Structures are given as structure tokens and as C-alpha cells.
């Protein structure tokens, strides 16, 4: 059960990062470095979610 809760938590953070990425992209003068960092964080979360999902099954 704790693994599923962690996956949900990470999924929520993943969605928040997606929104932050979209907000940054929509800005007229988006910061490429900030955008790259947000994408890196999002990918790291996705990989962690997939690893936890594989262990849960």
C-alpha cells in the first residue's frame, strides 16, 4: 500500500511539473535553462514512478 501512495504522490508532482513546463513555454521570453531543469526533474520522476510500478507488480 505504501508503494501505491508513493506512486500517487510522485504522479501529482509529475503533473505539477508538466504545468510548470507549459507555463514556462507559454511565456514570451521563456528561460531555456529553467525549462531544461523542469524537464529533467519531470523525467526523473517518471523513471522513479516506472521503477516503483515494476516493483509493485
N, C-alpha and C. Protein backbone atom coordinates (compact mmCIF):
# COMPACT_ATOMS: atom_id res chain seq x y z
N UNK A 1 0.82 -1.20 0.00
CA UNK A 1 0.00 0.00 0.00
C UNK A 1 0.86 1.26 0.00
N UNK A 2 1.97 1.25 0.71
CA UNK A 2 2.83 2.42 0.77
C UNK A 2 3.41 2.75 -0.61
N UNK A 3 3.66 1.72 -1.41
CA UNK A 3 4.22 1.94 -2.74
C UNK A 3 3.21 2.68 -3.62
N UNK A 4 1.94 2.28 -3.55
CA UNK A 4 0.91 2.95 -4.34
C UNK A 4 0.75 4.40 -3.93
N UNK A 5 0.82 4.67 -2.63
CA UNK A 5 0.72 6.05 -2.15
C UNK A 5 1.90 6.88 -2.68
N UNK A 6 3.07 6.30 -2.68
CA UNK A 6 4.25 7.00 -3.18
C UNK A 6 4.12 7.27 -4.69
N UNK A 7 3.59 6.29 -5.42
CA UNK A 7 3.38 6.47 -6.85
C UNK A 7 2.39 7.61 -7.09
N UNK A 8 1.31 7.66 -6.31
CA UNK A 8 0.33 8.75 -6.46
C UNK A 8 0.97 10.10 -6.15
N UNK A 9 1.78 10.15 -5.11
CA UNK A 9 2.45 11.39 -4.74
C UNK A 9 3.38 11.85 -5.86
N UNK A 10 4.17 10.93 -6.39
CA UNK A 10 5.07 11.26 -7.48
C UNK A 10 4.30 11.67 -8.74
N UNK A 11 3.18 11.02 -8.98
CA UNK A 11 2.34 11.37 -10.12
C UNK A 11 1.81 12.79 -10.01
N UNK A 12 1.45 13.17 -8.81
CA UNK A 12 0.97 14.53 -8.57
C UNK A 12 2.09 15.55 -8.83
N UNK A 13 3.28 15.25 -8.34
CA UNK A 13 4.42 16.13 -8.58
C UNK A 13 4.75 16.19 -10.07
N UNK A 14 4.62 15.06 -10.75
CA UNK A 14 4.87 14.98 -12.19
C UNK A 14 3.91 15.92 -12.93
N UNK A 15 2.63 15.89 -12.55
CA UNK A 15 1.64 16.76 -13.18
C UNK A 15 1.94 18.23 -12.89
N UNK A 16 2.38 18.53 -11.68
CA UNK A 16 2.73 19.91 -11.34
C UNK A 16 3.89 20.40 -12.20
N UNK A 17 4.86 19.53 -12.41
CA UNK A 17 5.99 19.90 -13.26
C UNK A 17 5.54 20.11 -14.70
N UNK A 18 4.62 19.29 -15.17
CA UNK A 18 4.10 19.45 -16.53
C UNK A 18 3.44 20.81 -16.68
N UNK A 19 2.67 21.21 -15.67
CA UNK A 19 2.03 22.52 -15.71
C UNK A 19 3.08 23.63 -15.70
N UNK A 20 4.10 23.49 -14.88
CA UNK A 20 5.17 24.49 -14.81
C UNK A 20 5.88 24.59 -16.16
N UNK A 21 6.09 23.45 -16.81
CA UNK A 21 6.73 23.45 -18.13
C UNK A 21 5.85 24.18 -19.14
N UNK A 22 4.56 23.87 -19.15
CA UNK A 22 3.65 24.54 -20.08
C UNK A 22 3.58 26.04 -19.82
N UNK A 23 3.58 26.43 -18.53
CA UNK A 23 3.56 27.85 -18.18
C UNK A 23 4.82 28.54 -18.68
N UNK A 24 5.96 27.88 -18.52
CA UNK A 24 7.23 28.47 -18.95
C UNK A 24 7.28 28.59 -20.48
N UNK A 25 6.79 27.57 -21.17
CA UNK A 25 6.78 27.59 -22.64
C UNK A 25 5.90 28.73 -23.15
N UNK A 26 4.79 28.98 -22.47
CA UNK A 26 3.84 29.99 -22.94
C UNK A 26 4.29 31.42 -22.65
N UNK A 27 5.32 31.58 -21.82
CA UNK A 27 5.84 32.92 -21.55
C UNK A 27 6.54 33.46 -22.81
N UNK A 28 6.40 34.75 -23.05
CA UNK A 28 7.05 35.34 -24.24
C UNK A 28 8.57 35.16 -24.25
N UNK A 29 9.21 35.30 -23.12
CA UNK A 29 10.67 35.16 -23.06
C UNK A 29 11.00 34.02 -22.09
N UNK A 30 10.67 32.81 -22.50
CA UNK A 30 10.89 31.66 -21.61
C UNK A 30 12.38 31.44 -21.36
N UNK A 31 12.67 30.96 -20.18
CA UNK A 31 14.05 30.70 -19.75
C UNK A 31 14.43 29.28 -20.14
N UNK A 32 15.32 29.13 -21.10
CA UNK A 32 15.69 27.81 -21.62
C UNK A 32 16.34 26.94 -20.55
N UNK A 33 17.13 27.55 -19.68
CA UNK A 33 17.79 26.78 -18.62
C UNK A 33 16.76 26.27 -17.62
N UNK A 34 15.83 27.13 -17.24
CA UNK A 34 14.77 26.72 -16.31
C UNK A 34 13.92 25.62 -16.93
N UNK A 35 13.61 25.78 -18.21
CA UNK A 35 12.80 24.78 -18.92
C UNK A 35 13.51 23.43 -18.96
N UNK A 36 14.80 23.45 -19.24
CA UNK A 36 15.58 22.22 -19.27
C UNK A 36 15.60 21.55 -17.90
N UNK A 37 15.74 22.32 -16.84
CA UNK A 37 15.76 21.77 -15.48
C UNK A 37 14.40 21.18 -15.12
N UNK A 38 13.33 21.85 -15.46
CA UNK A 38 11.98 21.32 -15.19
C UNK A 38 11.77 19.99 -15.91
N UNK A 39 12.20 19.93 -17.17
CA UNK A 39 12.06 18.69 -17.94
C UNK A 39 12.91 17.57 -17.35
N UNK A 40 14.10 17.91 -16.87
CA UNK A 40 14.97 16.91 -16.25
C UNK A 40 14.31 16.35 -14.99
N UNK A 41 13.74 17.23 -14.18
CA UNK A 41 13.06 16.80 -12.95
C UNK A 41 11.86 15.91 -13.28
N UNK A 42 11.11 16.30 -14.32
CA UNK A 42 9.94 15.53 -14.72
C UNK A 42 10.34 14.13 -15.18
N UNK A 43 11.41 14.04 -15.97
CA UNK A 43 11.89 12.75 -16.44
C UNK A 43 12.34 11.87 -15.27
N UNK A 44 13.03 12.48 -14.32
CA UNK A 44 13.49 11.73 -13.15
C UNK A 44 12.30 11.15 -12.38
N UNK A 45 11.25 11.95 -12.21
CA UNK A 45 10.05 11.46 -11.53
C UNK A 45 9.40 10.33 -12.32
N UNK A 46 9.33 10.49 -13.63
CA UNK A 46 8.72 9.45 -14.47
C UNK A 46 9.47 8.13 -14.32
N UNK A 47 10.80 8.21 -14.32
CA UNK A 47 11.60 6.99 -14.16
C UNK A 47 11.38 6.36 -12.79
N UNK A 48 11.26 7.19 -11.76
CA UNK A 48 11.03 6.66 -10.41
C UNK A 48 9.65 6.01 -10.31
N UNK A 49 8.65 6.64 -10.93
CA UNK A 49 7.30 6.07 -10.94
C UNK A 49 7.30 4.71 -11.64
N UNK A 50 7.99 4.63 -12.77
CA UNK A 50 8.05 3.36 -13.51
C UNK A 50 8.78 2.28 -12.71
N UNK A 51 9.85 2.65 -12.02
CA UNK A 51 10.59 1.67 -11.22
C UNK A 51 9.73 1.17 -10.06
N UNK A 52 9.01 2.07 -9.42
CA UNK A 52 8.14 1.65 -8.32
C UNK A 52 7.01 0.79 -8.83
N UNK A 53 6.46 1.15 -9.99
CA UNK A 53 5.38 0.37 -10.58
C UNK A 53 5.81 -1.03 -10.91
N UNK A 54 7.03 -1.17 -11.40
CA UNK A 54 7.55 -2.50 -11.73
C UNK A 54 7.72 -3.36 -10.48
N UNK A 55 8.14 -2.72 -9.38
CA UNK A 55 8.30 -3.47 -8.13
C UNK A 55 6.98 -3.83 -7.50
N UNK A 56 5.95 -3.00 -7.73
CA UNK A 56 4.64 -3.22 -7.11
C UNK A 56 3.92 -4.41 -7.74
N UNK A 57 4.29 -4.77 -8.96
CA UNK A 57 3.58 -5.85 -9.66
C UNK A 57 4.34 -7.11 -9.63
